[in-house]
Amino acid sequence: MQKKRKILHILKDAADAYPLEVIRKTAVSCDLSILLIQEAVHMNIPKFQGNIFVLSEDLNPKKQSPFQSVGYQKMLELIFESDSVVTW
């Protein structure tokens, strides 16, 4: 059995729904993760089968995130562990 490609999607804009459409369509054939940064840190992403991370430096301290918070070091690890990185 062939190993699934590991793809990291980095989302910056909460107002753009197109990336989520693309991500959902490729979720079956790839091992996907999403990293939310900048304006996207408080996005609502329901029913996603994969890992969702949020950059802690971009979070508003008064708001909670349901996703795992990571720092810059972990962000770099996610990037270098992935076969492909797509920034939206």
Protein backbone atom coordinates (compact mmCIF):
# COMPACT_ATOMS: atom_id res chain seq x y z
CA MET A 1 0.00 0.00 0.00
CA GLN A 2 1.32 3.40 -0.98
CA LYS A 3 1.86 6.02 1.72
CA LYS A 4 -0.48 9.03 1.52
CA ARG A 5 1.13 12.37 0.70
CA LYS A 6 1.38 14.59 3.75
CA ILE A 7 0.07 18.08 2.94
CA LEU A 8 -0.02 21.10 5.23
CA HIS A 9 -2.47 23.89 4.36
CA ILE A 10 -1.70 27.24 5.99
CA LEU A 11 -4.77 29.47 6.08
CA LYS A 12 -4.38 33.24 6.61
CA ASP A 13 -7.79 34.67 5.66
CA ALA A 14 -10.95 33.67 7.53
CA ALA A 15 -13.19 35.27 4.89
CA ASP A 16 -12.02 33.02 2.03
CA ALA A 17 -14.09 29.80 1.92
CA TYR A 18 -12.48 28.43 -1.26
CA PRO A 19 -9.46 26.83 0.45
CA LEU A 20 -11.73 24.74 2.69
CA GLU A 21 -13.59 23.44 -0.38
CA VAL A 22 -10.31 22.34 -1.96
CA ILE A 23 -9.05 20.83 1.28
CA ARG A 24 -12.21 18.77 1.77
CA LYS A 25 -12.03 17.42 -1.79
CA THR A 26 -8.46 16.19 -1.32
CA ALA A 27 -8.89 14.89 2.24
CA VAL A 28 -9.59 11.32 1.13
CA SER A 29 -6.44 10.89 -0.94
CA CYS A 30 -3.97 12.75 1.31
CA ASP A 31 -2.88 13.03 4.93
CA LEU A 32 -3.94 16.64 5.57
CA SER A 33 -3.24 19.13 8.31
CA ILE A 34 -4.36 22.75 8.60
CA LEU A 35 -2.48 25.54 10.33
CA LEU A 36 -4.48 28.70 11.06
CA ILE A 37 -2.49 31.94 11.21
CA GLN A 38 -3.10 35.70 11.14
CA GLU A 39 -6.78 36.51 10.45
CA ALA A 40 -7.77 32.84 10.21
CA VAL A 41 -6.94 31.85 13.81
CA HIS A 42 -10.57 32.00 14.92
CA MET A 43 -12.08 30.20 11.91
CA ASN A 44 -14.75 27.60 12.49
CA ILE A 45 -13.82 24.37 10.69
CA PRO A 46 -16.47 21.73 11.38
CA LYS A 47 -16.07 18.01 10.70
CA PHE A 48 -12.54 17.93 9.32
CA GLN A 49 -10.73 14.60 9.42
CA GLY A 50 -7.18 15.69 10.05
CA ASN A 51 -5.13 17.80 12.40
CA ILE A 52 -5.94 21.46 12.89
CA PHE A 53 -3.42 23.73 14.55
CA VAL A 54 -3.53 27.43 15.41
CA LEU A 55 -0.50 29.70 15.76
CA SER A 56 -0.45 30.83 19.39
CA GLU A 57 1.29 34.15 18.62
CA ASP A 58 -1.68 35.20 16.47
CA LEU A 59 -4.39 34.25 18.96
CA ASN A 60 -6.38 36.87 20.81
CA PRO A 61 -5.75 36.07 24.50
CA LYS A 62 -9.41 36.81 25.30
CA LYS A 63 -10.71 34.16 22.89
CA GLN A 64 -10.34 30.40 23.16
CA SER A 65 -9.60 28.15 20.21
CA PRO A 66 -10.90 24.58 19.96
CA PHE A 67 -7.73 23.64 18.06
CA GLN A 68 -4.25 22.74 19.27
CA SER A 69 -2.16 25.87 19.81
CA VAL A 70 1.43 25.76 18.49
CA GLY A 71 4.34 28.18 18.47
CA TYR A 72 6.76 29.07 15.70
CA GLN A 73 9.05 26.10 16.44
CA LYS A 74 6.22 23.59 15.98
CA MET A 75 5.06 25.50 12.88
CA LEU A 76 8.48 24.94 11.33
CA GLU A 77 8.38 21.24 12.27
CA LEU A 78 4.97 20.89 10.58
CA ILE A 79 6.31 22.57 7.44
CA PHE A 80 9.42 20.40 7.19
CA GLU A 81 7.55 17.15 8.00
CA SER A 82 5.13 17.73 5.11
CA ASP A 83 5.59 16.61 1.52
CA SER A 84 3.82 19.77 0.31
CA VAL A 85 2.81 23.07 1.90
CA VAL A 86 0.02 25.22 0.47
CA THR A 87 -0.50 28.75 1.74
CA TRP A 88 -3.87 30.41 1.21
